[in-house]
Amino acid sequence: MSNSIELQEQINRLSRKEGRSLHAERSLVTAPGARPPAFAVRVISRESYNLYNVQMVEITAPGQHPAPVAGELEAYNLAESFTEQGTVTSGTYAVMWCCGNCNVFYVKA
């Protein structure tokens, strides 16, 4: 019975056209503690002002570079002004948090 409910839920989610509705749904439906509060990320590039393209990474072992986990995401650097161009260089590692509909990190360049 629960499998049919889960299958119907997946079909309903796939039928939605906009990816943002899924993101908003995840933000509303996820219970506290159901997902990690923060992620390790690597800065890929600057998109605009203090908005960066980042990639989640997994720290595997000492002495090894972190391994990429997923595709690129956008995240705001809260250490920089929202009205000036950011200065964080590509390859910088940080900790990213999901805050509402935005991803944020804090790195002083």
PDB file of N, CA and C in Angstrom:
ATOM      1  N   MET A   1       0.818  -1.188   0.000  1.00  0.00           N
ATOM      2  CA  MET A   1       0.000   0.000   0.000  1.00  0.00           C
ATOM      3  C   MET A   1       0.863   1.253   0.000  1.00  0.00           C
ATOM      4  N   SER A   2       1.896   1.293   0.880  1.00  0.00           N
ATOM      5  CA  SER A   2       2.731   2.490   0.948  1.00  0.00           C
ATOM      6  C   SER A   2       3.533   2.676  -0.336  1.00  0.00           C
ATOM      7  N   ASN A   3       3.880   1.565  -1.020  1.00  0.00           N
ATOM      8  CA  ASN A   3       4.603   1.676  -2.290  1.00  0.00           C
ATOM      9  C   ASN A   3       3.760   2.369  -3.340  1.00  0.00           C
ATOM     10  N   SER A   4       2.467   2.075  -3.387  1.00  0.00           N
ATOM     11  CA  SER A   4       1.599   2.722  -4.372  1.00  0.00           C
ATOM     12  C   SER A   4       1.435   4.204  -4.056  1.00  0.00           C
ATOM     13  N   ILE A   5       1.407   4.558  -2.788  1.00  0.00           N
ATOM     14  CA  ILE A   5       1.315   5.973  -2.399  1.00  0.00           C
ATOM     15  C   ILE A   5       2.594   6.697  -2.786  1.00  0.00           C
ATOM     16  N   GLU A   6       3.756   6.071  -2.529  1.00  0.00           N
ATOM     17  CA  GLU A   6       5.034   6.670  -2.898  1.00  0.00           C
ATOM     18  C   GLU A   6       5.156   6.823  -4.409  1.00  0.00           C
ATOM     19  N   LEU A   7       4.699   5.819  -5.145  1.00  0.00           N
ATOM     20  CA  LEU A   7       4.735   5.883  -6.602  1.00  0.00           C
ATOM     21  C   LEU A   7       3.844   7.010  -7.114  1.00  0.00           C
ATOM     22  N   GLN A   8       2.651   7.143  -6.558  1.00  0.00           N
ATOM     23  CA  GLN A   8       1.748   8.222  -6.973  1.00  0.00           C
ATOM     24  C   GLN A   8       2.359   9.582  -6.658  1.00  0.00           C
ATOM     25  N   GLU A   9       3.009   9.695  -5.511  1.00  0.00           N
ATOM     26  CA  GLU A   9       3.658  10.956  -5.149  1.00  0.00           C
ATOM     27  C   GLU A   9       4.769  11.288  -6.141  1.00  0.00           C
ATOM     28  N   GLN A  10       5.563  10.299  -6.529  1.00  0.00           N
ATOM     29  CA  GLN A  10       6.624  10.536  -7.506  1.00  0.00           C
ATOM     30  C   GLN A  10       6.054  10.951  -8.856  1.00  0.00           C
ATOM     31  N   ILE A  11       4.966  10.326  -9.277  1.00  0.00           N
ATOM     32  CA  ILE A  11       4.332  10.699 -10.542  1.00  0.00           C
ATOM     33  C   ILE A  11       3.821  12.134 -10.479  1.00  0.00           C
ATOM     34  N   ASN A  12       3.194  12.501  -9.364  1.00  0.00           N
ATOM     35  CA  ASN A  12       2.709  13.882  -9.202  1.00  0.00           C
ATOM     36  C   ASN A  12       3.849  14.881  -9.247  1.00  0.00           C
ATOM     37  N   ARG A  13       4.952  14.554  -8.607  1.00  0.00           N
ATOM     38  CA  ARG A  13       6.096  15.468  -8.588  1.00  0.00           C
ATOM     39  C   ARG A  13       6.697  15.620  -9.983  1.00  0.00           C
ATOM     40  N   LEU A  14       6.783  14.514 -10.726  1.00  0.00           N
ATOM     41  CA  LEU A  14       7.345  14.573 -12.069  1.00  0.00           C
ATOM     42  C   LEU A  14       6.439  15.328 -13.033  1.00  0.00           C
ATOM     43  N   SER A  15       5.148  15.352 -12.767  1.00  0.00           N
ATOM     44  CA  SER A  15       4.223  16.030 -13.667  1.00  0.00           C
ATOM     45  C   SER A  15       4.316  17.545 -13.556  1.00  0.00           C
ATOM     46  N   ARG A  16       4.891  18.036 -12.482  1.00  0.00           N
ATOM     47  CA  ARG A  16       5.054  19.488 -12.345  1.00  0.00           C
ATOM     48  C   ARG A  16       6.102  19.958 -13.332  1.00  0.00           C
ATOM     49  N   LYS A  17       5.854  21.085 -13.951  1.00  0.00           N
ATOM     50  CA  LYS A  17       6.731  21.543 -15.028  1.00  0.00           C
ATOM     51  C   LYS A  17       7.947  22.309 -14.525  1.00  0.00           C
ATOM     52  N   GLU A  18       7.829  23.085 -13.470  1.00  0.00           N
ATOM     53  CA  GLU A  18       8.921  23.949 -13.031  1.00  0.00           C
ATOM     54  C   GLU A  18       9.722  23.281 -11.926  1.00  0.00           C
ATOM     55  N   GLY A  19      11.051  23.307 -12.059  1.00  0.00           N
ATOM     56  CA  GLY A  19      11.932  22.764 -11.029  1.00  0.00           C
ATOM     57  C   GLY A  19      11.850  23.539  -9.732  1.00  0.00           C
ATOM     58  N   ARG A  20      11.528  24.834  -9.812  1.00  0.00           N
ATOM     59  CA  ARG A  20      11.456  25.653  -8.596  1.00  0.00           C
ATOM     60  C   ARG A  20      10.337  25.180  -7.679  1.00  0.00           C
ATOM     61  N   SER A  21       9.244  24.680  -8.245  1.00  0.00           N
ATOM     62  CA  SER A  21       8.162  24.213  -7.386  1.00  0.00           C
ATOM     63  C   SER A  21       8.619  23.019  -6.554  1.00  0.00           C
ATOM     64  N   LEU A  22       9.482  22.155  -7.133  1.00  0.00           N
ATOM     65  CA  LEU A  22      10.025  21.035  -6.375  1.00  0.00           C
ATOM     66  C   LEU A  22      10.933  21.522  -5.259  1.00  0.00           C
ATOM     67  N   HIS A  23      11.752  22.553  -5.553  1.00  0.00           N
ATOM     68  CA  HIS A  23      12.640  23.093  -4.527  1.00  0.00           C
ATOM     69  C   HIS A  23      11.824  23.687  -3.385  1.00  0.00           C
ATOM     70  N   ALA A  24      10.788  24.454  -3.717  1.00  0.00           N
ATOM     71  CA  ALA A  24       9.952  25.064  -2.693  1.00  0.00           C
ATOM     72  C   ALA A  24       9.239  23.978  -1.879  1.00  0.00           C
ATOM     73  N   GLU A  25       8.792  22.931  -2.554  1.00  0.00           N
ATOM     74  CA  GLU A  25       8.117  21.836  -1.862  1.00  0.00           C
ATOM     75  C   GLU A  25       9.078  21.163  -0.896  1.00  0.00           C
ATOM     76  N   ARG A  26      10.318  20.931  -1.332  1.00  0.00           N
ATOM     77  CA  ARG A  26      11.300  20.304  -0.459  1.00  0.00           C
ATOM     78  C   ARG A  26      11.539  21.156   0.777  1.00  0.00           C
ATOM     79  N   SER A  27      11.568  22.481   0.601  1.00  0.00           N
ATOM     80  CA  SER A  27      11.796  23.375   1.726  1.00  0.00           C
ATOM     81  C   SER A  27      10.645  23.319   2.721  1.00  0.00           C
ATOM     82  N   LEU A  28       9.427  23.163   2.210  1.00  0.00           N
ATOM     83  CA  LEU A  28       8.261  23.160   3.088  1.00  0.00           C
ATOM     84  C   LEU A  28       8.018  21.800   3.732  1.00  0.00           C
ATOM     85  N   VAL A  29       8.307  20.725   3.010  1.00  0.00           N
ATOM     86  CA  VAL A  29       7.956  19.399   3.472  1.00  0.00           C
ATOM     87  C   VAL A  29       9.024  18.776   4.365  1.00  0.00           C
ATOM     88  N   THR A  30      10.275  19.106   4.163  1.00  0.00           N
ATOM     89  CA  THR A  30      11.362  18.492   4.914  1.00  0.00           C
ATOM     90  C   THR A  30      11.248  18.812   6.397  1.00  0.00           C
ATOM     91  N   ALA A  31      11.236  17.788   7.196  1.00  0.00           N
ATOM     92  CA  ALA A  31      11.157  17.966   8.641  1.00  0.00           C
ATOM     93  C   ALA A  31      12.530  18.342   9.182  1.00  0.00           C
ATOM     94  N   PRO A  32      12.570  19.070  10.299  1.00  0.00           N
ATOM     95  CA  PRO A  32      13.866  19.417  10.887  1.00  0.00           C
ATOM     96  C   PRO A  32      14.676  18.153  11.181  1.00  0.00           C
ATOM     97  N   GLY A  33      15.929  18.188  10.816  1.00  0.00           N
ATOM     98  CA  GLY A  33      16.806  17.051  11.060  1.00  0.00           C
ATOM     99  C   GLY A  33      16.734  15.976  10.003  1.00  0.00           C
ATOM    100  N   ALA A  34      15.884  16.153   8.982  1.00  0.00           N
ATOM    101  CA  ALA A  34      15.728  15.129   7.958  1.00  0.00           C
ATOM    102  C   ALA A  34      16.821  15.193   6.899  1.00  0.00           C
ATOM    103  N   ARG A  35      17.538  16.281   6.816  1.00  0.00           N
ATOM    104  CA  ARG A  35      18.650  16.384   5.870  1.00  0.00           C
ATOM    105  C   ARG A  35      19.791  17.125   6.548  1.00  0.00           C
ATOM    106  N   PRO A  36      20.997  16.988   6.037  1.00  0.00           N
ATOM    107  CA  PRO A  36      22.135  17.653   6.680  1.00  0.00           C
ATOM    108  C   PRO A  36      21.934  19.173   6.713  1.00  0.00           C
ATOM    109  N   PRO A  37      22.288  19.819   7.813  1.00  0.00           N
ATOM    110  CA  PRO A  37      22.107  21.265   7.913  1.00  0.00           C
ATOM    111  C   PRO A  37      23.111  22.046   7.070  1.00  0.00           C
ATOM    112  N   ALA A  38      24.226  21.433   6.699  1.00  0.00           N
ATOM    113  CA  ALA A  38      25.257  22.140   5.939  1.00  0.00           C
ATOM    114  C   ALA A  38      25.995  21.150   5.038  1.00  0.00           C
ATOM    115  N   PHE A  39      26.615  21.694   3.976  1.00  0.00           N
ATOM    116  CA  PHE A  39      27.331  20.882   3.012  1.00  0.00           C
ATOM    117  C   PHE A  39      28.693  21.504   2.742  1.00  0.00           C
ATOM    118  N   ALA A  40      29.692  20.677   2.476  1.00  0.00           N
ATOM    119  CA  ALA A  40      30.981  21.180   2.005  1.00  0.00           C
ATOM    120  C   ALA A  40      30.843  21.454   0.508  1.00  0.00           C
ATOM    121  N   VAL A  41      31.337  22.627   0.075  1.00  0.00           N
ATOM    122  CA  VAL A  41      31.244  22.994  -1.341  1.00  0.00           C
ATOM    123  C   VAL A  41      32.569  23.567  -1.821  1.00  0.00           C
ATOM    124  N   ARG A  42      32.724  23.562  -3.146  1.00  0.00           N
ATOM    125  CA  ARG A  42      33.869  24.199  -3.794  1.00  0.00           C
ATOM    126  C   ARG A  42      33.319  25.248  -4.740  1.00  0.00           C
ATOM    127  N   VAL A  43      33.891  26.456  -4.680  1.00  0.00           N
ATOM    128  CA  VAL A  43      33.460  27.534  -5.563  1.00  0.00           C
ATOM    129  C   VAL A  43      33.941  27.231  -6.978  1.00  0.00           C
ATOM    130  N   ILE A  44      33.015  27.260  -7.937  1.00  0.00           N
ATOM    131  CA  ILE A  44      33.336  27.015  -9.342  1.00  0.00           C
ATOM    132  C   ILE A  44      33.590  28.343 -10.061  1.00  0.00           C
ATOM    133  N   SER A  45      32.673  29.291  -9.904  1.00  0.00           N
ATOM    134  CA  SER A  45      32.801  30.583 -10.583  1.00  0.00           C
ATOM    135  C   SER A  45      31.856  31.595  -9.938  1.00  0.00           C
ATOM    136  N   ARG A  46      32.074  32.871 -10.293  1.00  0.00           N
ATOM    137  CA  ARG A  46      31.174  33.927  -9.810  1.00  0.00           C
ATOM    138  C   ARG A  46      30.113  34.160 -10.866  1.00  0.00           C
ATOM    139  N   GLU A  47      28.865  34.162 -10.453  1.00  0.00           N
ATOM    140  CA  GLU A  47      27.744  34.401 -11.366  1.00  0.00           C
ATOM    141  C   GLU A  47      27.492  35.902 -11.502  1.00  0.00           C
ATOM    142  N   SER A  48      27.294  36.584 -10.381  1.00  0.00           N
ATOM    143  CA  SER A  48      26.992  38.012 -10.390  1.00  0.00           C
ATOM    144  C   SER A  48      27.058  38.537  -8.961  1.00  0.00           C
ATOM    145  N   TYR A  49      27.693  39.691  -8.787  1.00  0.00           N
ATOM    146  CA  TYR A  49      27.840  40.304  -7.463  1.00  0.00           C
ATOM    147  C   TYR A  49      28.369  39.270  -6.467  1.00  0.00           C
ATOM    148  N   ASN A  50      27.573  38.922  -5.438  1.00  0.00           N
ATOM    149  CA  ASN A  50      28.041  37.944  -4.449  1.00  0.00           C
ATOM    150  C   ASN A  50      27.365  36.580  -4.634  1.00  0.00           C
ATOM    151  N   LEU A  51      26.849  36.320  -5.835  1.00  0.00           N
ATOM    152  CA  LEU A  51      26.237  35.038  -6.181  1.00  0.00           C
ATOM    153  C   LEU A  51      27.258  34.190  -6.939  1.00  0.00           C
ATOM    154  N   TYR A  52      27.494  32.971  -6.447  1.00  0.00           N
ATOM    155  CA  TYR A  52      28.519  32.089  -7.012  1.00  0.00           C
ATOM    156  C   TYR A  52      27.914  30.756  -7.447  1.00  0.00           C
ATOM    157  N   ASN A  53      28.552  30.116  -8.413  1.00  0.00           N
ATOM    158  CA  ASN A  53      28.258  28.733  -8.766  1.00  0.00           C
ATOM    159  C   ASN A  53      29.166  27.868  -7.906  1.00  0.00           C
ATOM    160  N   VAL A  54      28.579  26.935  -7.171  1.00  0.00           N
ATOM    161  CA  VAL A  54      29.339  26.056  -6.284  1.00  0.00           C
ATOM    162  C   VAL A  54      28.968  24.607  -6.583  1.00  0.00           C
ATOM    163  N   GLN A  55      29.826  23.694  -6.135  1.00  0.00           N
ATOM    164  CA  GLN A  55      29.580  22.264  -6.308  1.00  0.00           C
ATOM    165  C   GLN A  55      29.770  21.581  -4.972  1.00  0.00           C
ATOM    166  N   MET A  56      28.779  20.772  -4.559  1.00  0.00           N
ATOM    167  CA  MET A  56      28.912  20.033  -3.314  1.00  0.00           C
ATOM    168  C   MET A  56      30.019  18.992  -3.465  1.00  0.00           C
ATOM    169  N   VAL A  57      30.792  18.815  -2.399  1.00  0.00           N
ATOM    170  CA  VAL A  57      31.885  17.851  -2.405  1.00  0.00           C
ATOM    171  C   VAL A  57      31.800  16.973  -1.162  1.00  0.00           C
ATOM    172  N   GLU A  58      32.441  15.810  -1.260  1.00  0.00           N
ATOM    173  CA  GLU A  58      32.513  14.888  -0.131  1.00  0.00           C
ATOM    174  C   GLU A  58      33.965  14.748   0.282  1.00  0.00           C
ATOM    175  N   ILE A  59      34.216  14.944   1.552  1.00  0.00           N
ATOM    176  CA  ILE A  59      35.569  14.782   2.077  1.00  0.00           C
ATOM    177  C   ILE A  59      35.740  13.294   2.363  1.00  0.00           C
ATOM    178  N   THR A  60      36.677  12.664   1.636  1.00  0.00           N
ATOM    179  CA  THR A  60      36.798  11.209   1.706  1.00  0.00           C
ATOM    180  C   THR A  60      37.862  10.736   2.697  1.00  0.00           C
ATOM    181  N   ALA A  61      39.063  11.303   2.628  1.00  0.00           N
ATOM    182  CA  ALA A  61      40.151  10.850   3.500  1.00  0.00           C
ATOM    183  C   ALA A  61      41.201  11.951   3.602  1.00  0.00           C
ATOM    184  N   PRO A  62      41.955  11.975   4.699  1.00  0.00           N
ATOM    185  CA  PRO A  62      43.024  12.956   4.816  1.00  0.00           C
ATOM    186  C   PRO A  62      44.038  12.801   3.692  1.00  0.00           C
ATOM    187  N   GLY A  63      44.511  13.911   3.163  1.00  0.00           N
ATOM    188  CA  GLY A  63      45.508  13.884   2.110  1.00  0.00           C
ATOM    189  C   GLY A  63      44.937  13.714   0.718  1.00  0.00           C
ATOM    190  N   GLN A  64      43.626  13.591   0.598  1.00  0.00           N
ATOM    191  CA  GLN A  64      42.986  13.464  -0.712  1.00  0.00           C
ATOM    192  C   GLN A  64      42.073  14.654  -0.952  1.00  0.00           C
ATOM    193  N   HIS A  65      41.995  15.075  -2.223  1.00  0.00           N
ATOM    194  CA  HIS A  65      41.098  16.171  -2.564  1.00  0.00           C
ATOM    195  C   HIS A  65      39.649  15.717  -2.395  1.00  0.00           C
ATOM    196  N   PRO A  66      38.767  16.613  -1.949  1.00  0.00           N
ATOM    197  CA  PRO A  66      37.346  16.250  -1.855  1.00  0.00           C
ATOM    198  C   PRO A  66      36.787  15.863  -3.223  1.00  0.00           C
ATOM    199  N   ALA A  67      35.883  14.897  -3.237  1.00  0.00           N
ATOM    200  CA  ALA A  67      35.282  14.401  -4.477  1.00  0.00           C
ATOM    201  C   ALA A  67      33.960  15.108  -4.748  1.00  0.00           C
ATOM    202  N   PRO A  68      33.702  15.510  -6.003  1.00  0.00           N
ATOM    203  CA  PRO A  68      32.422  16.137  -6.341  1.00  0.00           C
ATOM    204  C   PRO A  68      31.270  15.174  -6.079  1.00  0.00           C
ATOM    205  N   VAL A  69      30.152  15.721  -5.574  1.00  0.00           N
ATOM    206  CA  VAL A  69      28.992  14.902  -5.255  1.00  0.00           C
ATOM    207  C   VAL A  69      27.861  15.130  -6.251  1.00  0.00           C
ATOM    208  N   ALA A  70      27.648  16.368  -6.651  1.00  0.00           N
ATOM    209  CA  ALA A  70      26.500  16.687  -7.501  1.00  0.00           C
ATOM    210  C   ALA A  70      26.888  17.780  -8.480  1.00  0.00           C
ATOM    211  N   GLY A  71      25.926  18.198  -9.295  1.00  0.00           N
ATOM    212  CA  GLY A  71      26.140  19.276 -10.246  1.00  0.00           C
ATOM    213  C   GLY A  71      26.257  20.625  -9.558  1.00  0.00           C
ATOM    214  N   GLU A  72      26.287  21.675 -10.361  1.00  0.00           N
ATOM    215  CA  GLU A  72      26.462  23.022  -9.821  1.00  0.00           C
ATOM    216  C   GLU A  72      25.172  23.564  -9.205  1.00  0.00           C
ATOM    217  N   LEU A  73      25.357  24.346  -8.155  1.00  0.00           N
ATOM    218  CA  LEU A  73      24.278  25.065  -7.487  1.00  0.00           C
ATOM    219  C   LEU A  73      24.676  26.527  -7.405  1.00  0.00           C
ATOM    220  N   GLU A  74      23.726  27.389  -7.130  1.00  0.00           N
ATOM    221  CA  GLU A  74      24.034  28.795  -6.888  1.00  0.00           C
ATOM    222  C   GLU A  74      23.953  29.059  -5.396  1.00  0.00           C
ATOM    223  N   ALA A  75      24.883  29.872  -4.898  1.00  0.00           N
ATOM    224  CA  ALA A  75      24.896  30.219  -3.480  1.00  0.00           C
ATOM    225  C   ALA A  75      25.424  31.641  -3.310  1.00  0.00           C
ATOM    226  N   TYR A  76      24.885  32.345  -2.328  1.00  0.00           N
ATOM    227  CA  TYR A  76      25.307  33.713  -2.017  1.00  0.00           C
ATOM    228  C   TYR A  76      26.390  33.688  -0.948  1.00  0.00           C
ATOM    229  N   ASN A  77      27.411  34.531  -1.109  1.00  0.00           N
ATOM    230  CA  ASN A  77      28.439  34.689  -0.086  1.00  0.00           C
ATOM    231  C   ASN A  77      28.022  35.839   0.821  1.00  0.00           C
ATOM    232  N   LEU A  78      27.663  35.531   2.050  1.00  0.00           N
ATOM    233  CA  LEU A  78      27.185  36.546   2.982  1.00  0.00           C
ATOM    234  C   LEU A  78      28.291  37.447   3.510  1.00  0.00           C
ATOM    235  N   ALA A  79      29.550  37.089   3.272  1.00  0.00           N
ATOM    236  CA  ALA A  79      30.661  37.916   3.731  1.00  0.00           C
ATOM    237  C   ALA A  79      30.912  39.093   2.797  1.00  0.00           C
ATOM    238  N   GLU A  80      30.251  39.107   1.635  1.00  0.00           N
ATOM    239  CA  GLU A  80      30.464  40.168   0.655  1.00  0.00           C
ATOM    240  C   GLU A  80      29.196  41.003   0.486  1.00  0.00           C
ATOM    241  N   SER A  81      29.379  42.199  -0.006  1.00  0.00           N
ATOM    242  CA  SER A  81      28.265  43.109  -0.252  1.00  0.00           C
ATOM    243  C   SER A  81      27.360  42.567  -1.357  1.00  0.00           C
ATOM    244  N   PHE A  82      26.069  42.806  -1.226  1.00  0.00           N
ATOM    245  CA  PHE A  82      25.115  42.405  -2.261  1.00  0.00           C
ATOM    246  C   PHE A  82      25.111  43.392  -3.428  1.00  0.00           C
ATOM    247  N   THR A  83      25.834  44.513  -3.306  1.00  0.00           N
ATOM    248  CA  THR A  83      25.823  45.546  -4.358  1.00  0.00           C
ATOM    249  C   THR A  83      27.171  45.721  -5.046  1.00  0.00           C
ATOM    250  N   GLU A  84      28.175  44.937  -4.679  1.00  0.00           N
ATOM    251  CA  GLU A  84      29.495  45.033  -5.299  1.00  0.00           C
ATOM    252  C   GLU A  84      29.925  43.666  -5.814  1.00  0.00           C
ATOM    253  N   GLN A  85      30.873  43.658  -6.752  1.00  0.00           N
ATOM    254  CA  GLN A  85      31.358  42.404  -7.323  1.00  0.00           C
ATOM    255  C   GLN A  85      32.146  41.601  -6.286  1.00  0.00           C
ATOM    256  N   GLY A  86      31.894  40.312  -6.237  1.00  0.00           N
ATOM    257  CA  GLY A  86      32.577  39.428  -5.302  1.00  0.00           C
ATOM    258  C   GLY A  86      34.004  39.136  -5.731  1.00  0.00           C
ATOM    259  N   THR A  87      34.814  38.674  -4.783  1.00  0.00           N
ATOM    260  CA  THR A  87      36.230  38.438  -5.057  1.00  0.00           C
ATOM    261  C   THR A  87      36.718  37.039  -4.654  1.00  0.00           C
ATOM    262  N   VAL A  88      35.827  36.123  -4.323  1.00  0.00           N
ATOM    263  CA  VAL A  88      36.248  34.774  -3.945  1.00  0.00           C
ATOM    264  C   VAL A  88      36.729  34.046  -5.198  1.00  0.00           C
ATOM    265  N   THR A  89      37.888  33.419  -5.123  1.00  0.00           N
ATOM    266  CA  THR A  89      38.475  32.757  -6.291  1.00  0.00           C
ATOM    267  C   THR A  89      37.921  31.340  -6.468  1.00  0.00           C
ATOM    268  N   SER A  90      37.950  30.881  -7.702  1.00  0.00           N
ATOM    269  CA  SER A  90      37.526  29.513  -8.013  1.00  0.00           C
ATOM    270  C   SER A  90      38.424  28.529  -7.274  1.00  0.00           C
ATOM    271  N   GLY A  91      37.850  27.429  -6.831  1.00  0.00           N
ATOM    272  CA  GLY A  91      38.610  26.413  -6.122  1.00  0.00           C
ATOM    273  C   GLY A  91      38.588  26.569  -4.614  1.00  0.00           C
ATOM    274  N   THR A  92      38.017  27.664  -4.115  1.00  0.00           N
ATOM    275  CA  THR A  92      37.917  27.883  -2.673  1.00  0.00           C
ATOM    276  C   THR A  92      36.870  26.944  -2.088  1.00  0.00           C
ATOM    277  N   TYR A  93      37.181  26.326  -0.953  1.00  0.00           N
ATOM    278  CA  TYR A  93      36.237  25.443  -0.273  1.00  0.00           C
ATOM    279  C   TYR A  93      35.524  26.211   0.826  1.00  0.00           C
ATOM    280  N   ALA A  94      34.261  25.851   1.065  1.00  0.00           N
ATOM    281  CA  ALA A  94      33.451  26.530   2.073  1.00  0.00           C
ATOM    282  C   ALA A  94      32.394  25.567   2.598  1.00  0.00           C
ATOM    283  N   VAL A  95      31.649  26.036   3.580  1.00  0.00           N
ATOM    284  CA  VAL A  95      30.497  25.306   4.096  1.00  0.00           C
ATOM    285  C   VAL A  95      29.254  26.072   3.659  1.00  0.00           C
ATOM    286  N   MET A  96      28.299  25.376   3.046  1.00  0.00           N
ATOM    287  CA  MET A  96      27.084  25.996   2.535  1.00  0.00           C
ATOM    288  C   MET A  96      25.889  25.538   3.364  1.00  0.00           C
ATOM    289  N   TRP A  97      24.991  26.477   3.652  1.00  0.00           N
ATOM    290  CA  TRP A  97      23.743  26.185   4.342  1.00  0.00           C
ATOM    291  C   TRP A  97      22.574  26.494   3.427  1.00  0.00           C
ATOM    292  N   CYS A  98      21.492  25.758   3.577  1.00  0.00           N
ATOM    293  CA  CYS A  98      20.247  26.056   2.865  1.00  0.00           C
ATOM    294  C   CYS A  98      19.381  26.898   3.790  1.00  0.00           C
ATOM    295  N   CYS A  99      19.070  28.113   3.368  1.00  0.00           N
ATOM    296  CA  CYS A  99      18.251  29.030   4.166  1.00  0.00           C
ATOM    297  C   CYS A  99      17.028  29.428   3.344  1.00  0.00           C
ATOM    298  N   GLY A 100      15.894  28.826   3.627  1.00  0.00           N
ATOM    299  CA  GLY A 100      14.690  29.106   2.850  1.00  0.00           C
ATOM    300  C   GLY A 100      14.873  28.665   1.417  1.00  0.00           C
ATOM    301  N   ASN A 101      14.742  29.604   0.475  1.00  0.00           N
ATOM    302  CA  ASN A 101      14.888  29.289  -0.943  1.00  0.00           C
ATOM    303  C   ASN A 101      16.293  29.545  -1.458  1.00  0.00           C
ATOM    304  N   CYS A 102      17.222  29.926  -0.589  1.00  0.00           N
ATOM    305  CA  CYS A 102      18.583  30.294  -1.012  1.00  0.00           C
ATOM    306  C   CYS A 102      19.625  29.397  -0.353  1.00  0.00           C
ATOM    307  N   ASN A 103      20.736  29.261  -1.032  1.00  0.00           N
ATOM    308  CA  ASN A 103      21.918  28.622  -0.453  1.00  0.00           C
ATOM    309  C   ASN A 103      22.895  29.743  -0.120  1.00  0.00           C
ATOM    310  N   VAL A 104      23.520  29.651   1.048  1.00  0.00           N
ATOM    311  CA  VAL A 104      24.442  30.695   1.480  1.00  0.00           C
ATOM    312  C   VAL A 104      25.718  30.076   2.035  1.00  0.00           C
ATOM    313  N   PHE A 105      26.816  30.832   1.940  1.00  0.00           N
ATOM    314  CA  PHE A 105      28.073  30.456   2.575  1.00  0.00           C
ATOM    315  C   PHE A 105      28.742  31.749   3.029  1.00  0.00           C
ATOM    316  N   TYR A 106      29.804  31.630   3.809  1.00  0.00           N
ATOM    317  CA  TYR A 106      30.468  32.806   4.359  1.00  0.00           C
ATOM    318  C   TYR A 106      31.970  32.632   4.204  1.00  0.00           C
ATOM    319  N   VAL A 107      32.554  33.351   3.238  1.00  0.00           N
ATOM    320  CA  VAL A 107      34.005  33.310   2.995  1.00  0.00           C
ATOM    321  C   VAL A 107      34.496  34.725   2.796  1.00  0.00           C
ATOM    322  N   LYS A 108      35.487  35.136   3.605  1.00  0.00           N
ATOM    323  CA  LYS A 108      36.127  36.432   3.404  1.00  0.00           C
ATOM    324  C   LYS A 108      37.330  36.222   2.489  1.00  0.00           C
ATOM    325  N   ALA A 109      37.359  36.996   1.403  1.00  0.00           N
ATOM    326  CA  ALA A 109      38.464  36.850   0.439  1.00  0.00           C
ATOM    327  C   ALA A 109      39.655  37.685   0.840  1.00  0.00           C
TER     328      ALA A 109
END
